[in-house]
Amino acid sequence: MLNQAVFVHGQWLEYLYFCRAKFAIEVVNGIRMSFCNNLIANEKQ
């Protein structure tokens, strides 16, 4: 029982790290996209 709890906990932590990494990538991509869009918009003016 204890081994299974540790195993589930490990999987849960891995899942959280995966979600955090995915979220961080999305945030970086979002910032980069908005930054590039701002540059393009400023150049058009």
PDB file of N, CA and C in Angstrom:
ATOM      1  N   MET A   1       0.837  -1.203   0.000  1.00  0.00           N
ATOM      2  CA  MET A   1       0.000   0.000   0.000  1.00  0.00           C
ATOM      3  C   MET A   1       0.876   1.259   0.000  1.00  0.00           C
ATOM      4  N   LEU A   2       1.891   1.259   0.851  1.00  0.00           N
ATOM      5  CA  LEU A   2       2.765   2.429   0.929  1.00  0.00           C
ATOM      6  C   LEU A   2       3.509   2.641  -0.387  1.00  0.00           C
ATOM      7  N   ASN A   3       3.983   1.547  -0.981  1.00  0.00           N
ATOM      8  CA  ASN A   3       4.694   1.656  -2.257  1.00  0.00           C
ATOM      9  C   ASN A   3       3.798   2.260  -3.328  1.00  0.00           C
ATOM     10  N   GLN A   4       2.542   1.844  -3.336  1.00  0.00           N
ATOM     11  CA  GLN A   4       1.617   2.367  -4.341  1.00  0.00           C
ATOM     12  C   GLN A   4       1.385   3.864  -4.117  1.00  0.00           C
ATOM     13  N   ALA A   5       1.278   4.277  -2.867  1.00  0.00           N
ATOM     14  CA  ALA A   5       1.069   5.693  -2.561  1.00  0.00           C
ATOM     15  C   ALA A   5       2.274   6.507  -3.035  1.00  0.00           C
ATOM     16  N   VAL A   6       3.474   6.006  -2.794  1.00  0.00           N
ATOM     17  CA  VAL A   6       4.686   6.699  -3.238  1.00  0.00           C
ATOM     18  C   VAL A   6       4.719   6.772  -4.754  1.00  0.00           C
ATOM     19  N   PHE A   7       4.338   5.679  -5.407  1.00  0.00           N
ATOM     20  CA  PHE A   7       4.329   5.638  -6.866  1.00  0.00           C
ATOM     21  C   PHE A   7       3.337   6.655  -7.432  1.00  0.00           C
ATOM     22  N   VAL A   8       2.136   6.686  -6.865  1.00  0.00           N
ATOM     23  CA  VAL A   8       1.117   7.635  -7.326  1.00  0.00           C
ATOM     24  C   VAL A   8       1.589   9.066  -7.086  1.00  0.00           C
ATOM     25  N   HIS A   9       2.193   9.301  -5.930  1.00  0.00           N
ATOM     26  CA  HIS A   9       2.693  10.636  -5.607  1.00  0.00           C
ATOM     27  C   HIS A   9       3.766  11.053  -6.614  1.00  0.00           C
ATOM     28  N   GLY A  10       4.648  10.127  -6.967  1.00  0.00           N
ATOM     29  CA  GLY A  10       5.687  10.420  -7.951  1.00  0.00           C
ATOM     30  C   GLY A  10       5.101  10.753  -9.304  1.00  0.00           C
ATOM     31  N   GLN A  11       4.083   9.999  -9.697  1.00  0.00           N
ATOM     32  CA  GLN A  11       3.441  10.277 -10.992  1.00  0.00           C
ATOM     33  C   GLN A  11       2.770  11.641 -10.964  1.00  0.00           C
ATOM     34  N   TRP A  12       2.138  11.964  -9.851  1.00  0.00           N
ATOM     35  CA  TRP A  12       1.436  13.237  -9.713  1.00  0.00           C
ATOM     36  C   TRP A  12       2.424  14.394  -9.814  1.00  0.00           C
ATOM     37  N   LEU A  13       3.589  14.242  -9.144  1.00  0.00           N
ATOM     38  CA  LEU A  13       4.618  15.289  -9.212  1.00  0.00           C
ATOM     39  C   LEU A  13       5.124  15.447 -10.639  1.00  0.00           C
ATOM     40  N   GLU A  14       5.345  14.323 -11.316  1.00  0.00           N
ATOM     41  CA  GLU A  14       5.801  14.393 -12.708  1.00  0.00           C
ATOM     42  C   GLU A  14       4.784  15.119 -13.565  1.00  0.00           C
ATOM     43  N   TYR A  15       3.499  14.819 -13.341  1.00  0.00           N
ATOM     44  CA  TYR A  15       2.431  15.456 -14.093  1.00  0.00           C
ATOM     45  C   TYR A  15       2.422  16.966 -13.831  1.00  0.00           C
ATOM     46  N   LEU A  16       2.601  17.344 -12.564  1.00  0.00           N
ATOM     47  CA  LEU A  16       2.623  18.770 -12.221  1.00  0.00           C
ATOM     48  C   LEU A  16       3.804  19.473 -12.890  1.00  0.00           C
ATOM     49  N   TYR A  17       4.980  18.822 -12.849  1.00  0.00           N
ATOM     50  CA  TYR A  17       6.154  19.419 -13.504  1.00  0.00           C
ATOM     51  C   TYR A  17       5.913  19.567 -14.994  1.00  0.00           C
ATOM     52  N   PHE A  18       5.282  18.540 -15.616  1.00  0.00           N
ATOM     53  CA  PHE A  18       4.992  18.591 -17.043  1.00  0.00           C
ATOM     54  C   PHE A  18       4.061  19.759 -17.350  1.00  0.00           C
ATOM     55  N   CYS A  19       3.008  19.907 -16.536  1.00  0.00           N
ATOM     56  CA  CYS A  19       2.049  20.998 -16.747  1.00  0.00           C
ATOM     57  C   CYS A  19       2.733  22.350 -16.559  1.00  0.00           C
ATOM     58  N   ARG A  20       3.596  22.437 -15.546  1.00  0.00           N
ATOM     59  CA  ARG A  20       4.282  23.702 -15.290  1.00  0.00           C
ATOM     60  C   ARG A  20       5.203  24.053 -16.451  1.00  0.00           C
ATOM     61  N   ALA A  21       5.904  23.044 -16.960  1.00  0.00           N
ATOM     62  CA  ALA A  21       6.811  23.284 -18.085  1.00  0.00           C
ATOM     63  C   ALA A  21       6.017  23.713 -19.314  1.00  0.00           C
ATOM     64  N   LYS A  22       4.902  23.036 -19.556  1.00  0.00           N
ATOM     65  CA  LYS A  22       4.071  23.370 -20.711  1.00  0.00           C
ATOM     66  C   LYS A  22       3.535  24.788 -20.567  1.00  0.00           C
ATOM     67  N   PHE A  23       3.086  25.125 -19.360  1.00  0.00           N
ATOM     68  CA  PHE A  23       2.553  26.460 -19.104  1.00  0.00           C
ATOM     69  C   PHE A  23       3.637  27.515 -19.308  1.00  0.00           C
ATOM     70  N   ALA A  24       4.856  27.227 -18.820  1.00  0.00           N
ATOM     71  CA  ALA A  24       5.961  28.180 -18.965  1.00  0.00           C
ATOM     72  C   ALA A  24       6.269  28.417 -20.438  1.00  0.00           C
ATOM     73  N   ILE A  25       6.250  27.345 -21.232  1.00  0.00           N
ATOM     74  CA  ILE A  25       6.511  27.477 -22.674  1.00  0.00           C
ATOM     75  C   ILE A  25       5.425  28.327 -23.323  1.00  0.00           C
ATOM     76  N   GLU A  26       4.167  28.092 -22.928  1.00  0.00           N
ATOM     77  CA  GLU A  26       3.061  28.879 -23.480  1.00  0.00           C
ATOM     78  C   GLU A  26       3.228  30.356 -23.124  1.00  0.00           C
ATOM     79  N   VAL A  27       3.615  30.623 -21.879  1.00  0.00           N
ATOM     80  CA  VAL A  27       3.794  32.011 -21.438  1.00  0.00           C
ATOM     81  C   VAL A  27       4.913  32.675 -22.238  1.00  0.00           C
ATOM     82  N   VAL A  28       6.036  31.975 -22.381  1.00  0.00           N
ATOM     83  CA  VAL A  28       7.162  32.532 -23.138  1.00  0.00           C
ATOM     84  C   VAL A  28       6.745  32.781 -24.583  1.00  0.00           C
ATOM     85  N   ASN A  29       6.042  31.828 -25.188  1.00  0.00           N
ATOM     86  CA  ASN A  29       5.589  32.003 -26.568  1.00  0.00           C
ATOM     87  C   ASN A  29       4.611  33.166 -26.667  1.00  0.00           C
ATOM     88  N   GLY A  30       3.732  33.299 -25.691  1.00  0.00           N
ATOM     89  CA  GLY A  30       2.765  34.398 -25.690  1.00  0.00           C
ATOM     90  C   GLY A  30       3.455  35.741 -25.585  1.00  0.00           C
ATOM     91  N   ILE A  31       4.443  35.825 -24.696  1.00  0.00           N
ATOM     92  CA  ILE A  31       5.174  37.085 -24.537  1.00  0.00           C
ATOM     93  C   ILE A  31       5.938  37.401 -25.820  1.00  0.00           C
ATOM     94  N   ARG A  32       6.575  36.386 -26.392  1.00  0.00           N
ATOM     95  CA  ARG A  32       7.343  36.601 -27.621  1.00  0.00           C
ATOM     96  C   ARG A  32       6.411  37.041 -28.754  1.00  0.00           C
ATOM     97  N   MET A  33       5.245  36.405 -28.858  1.00  0.00           N
ATOM     98  CA  MET A  33       4.300  36.759 -29.923  1.00  0.00           C
ATOM     99  C   MET A  33       3.826  38.197 -29.748  1.00  0.00           C
ATOM    100  N   SER A  34       3.446  38.583 -28.530  1.00  0.00           N
ATOM    101  CA  SER A  34       2.952  39.941 -28.316  1.00  0.00           C
ATOM    102  C   SER A  34       4.078  40.952 -28.532  1.00  0.00           C
ATOM    103  N   PHE A  35       5.299  40.583 -28.145  1.00  0.00           N
ATOM    104  CA  PHE A  35       6.455  41.471 -28.346  1.00  0.00           C
ATOM    105  C   PHE A  35       6.689  41.681 -29.836  1.00  0.00           C
ATOM    106  N   CYS A  36       6.662  40.597 -30.613  1.00  0.00           N
ATOM    107  CA  CYS A  36       6.861  40.694 -32.065  1.00  0.00           C
ATOM    108  C   CYS A  36       5.725  41.481 -32.700  1.00  0.00           C
ATOM    109  N   ASN A  37       4.494  41.247 -32.258  1.00  0.00           N
ATOM    110  CA  ASN A  37       3.351  41.982 -32.818  1.00  0.00           C
ATOM    111  C   ASN A  37       3.482  43.466 -32.525  1.00  0.00           C
ATOM    112  N   ASN A  38       3.957  43.811 -31.328  1.00  0.00           N
ATOM    113  CA  ASN A  38       4.148  45.222 -30.986  1.00  0.00           C
ATOM    114  C   ASN A  38       5.216  45.846 -31.870  1.00  0.00           C
ATOM    115  N   LEU A  39       6.300  45.124 -32.124  1.00  0.00           N
ATOM    116  CA  LEU A  39       7.357  45.647 -32.995  1.00  0.00           C
ATOM    117  C   LEU A  39       6.815  45.893 -34.389  1.00  0.00           C
ATOM    118  N   ILE A  40       6.059  44.913 -34.907  1.00  0.00           N
ATOM    119  CA  ILE A  40       5.502  45.041 -36.263  1.00  0.00           C
ATOM    120  C   ILE A  40       4.520  46.214 -36.312  1.00  0.00           C
ATOM    121  N   ALA A  41       3.677  46.342 -35.287  1.00  0.00           N
ATOM    122  CA  ALA A  41       2.696  47.425 -35.253  1.00  0.00           C
ATOM    123  C   ALA A  41       3.400  48.778 -35.170  1.00  0.00           C
ATOM    124  N   ASN A  42       4.465  48.860 -34.397  1.00  0.00           N
ATOM    125  CA  ASN A  42       5.190  50.133 -34.267  1.00  0.00           C
ATOM    126  C   ASN A  42       5.887  50.504 -35.573  1.00  0.00           C
ATOM    127  N   GLU A  43       6.374  49.520 -36.303  1.00  0.00           N
ATOM    128  CA  GLU A  43       7.058  49.806 -37.565  1.00  0.00           C
ATOM    129  C   GLU A  43       6.083  50.278 -38.633  1.00  0.00           C
ATOM    130  N   LYS A  44       4.828  49.839 -38.550  1.00  0.00           N
ATOM    131  CA  LYS A  44       3.842  50.213 -39.570  1.00  0.00           C
ATOM    132  C   LYS A  44       3.372  51.647 -39.412  1.00  0.00           C
ATOM    133  N   GLN A  45       3.501  52.208 -38.215  1.00  0.00           N
ATOM    134  CA  GLN A  45       2.987  53.561 -37.977  1.00  0.00           C
ATOM    135  C   GLN A  45       3.816  54.620 -38.681  1.00  0.00           C
TER     136      GLN A  45
END
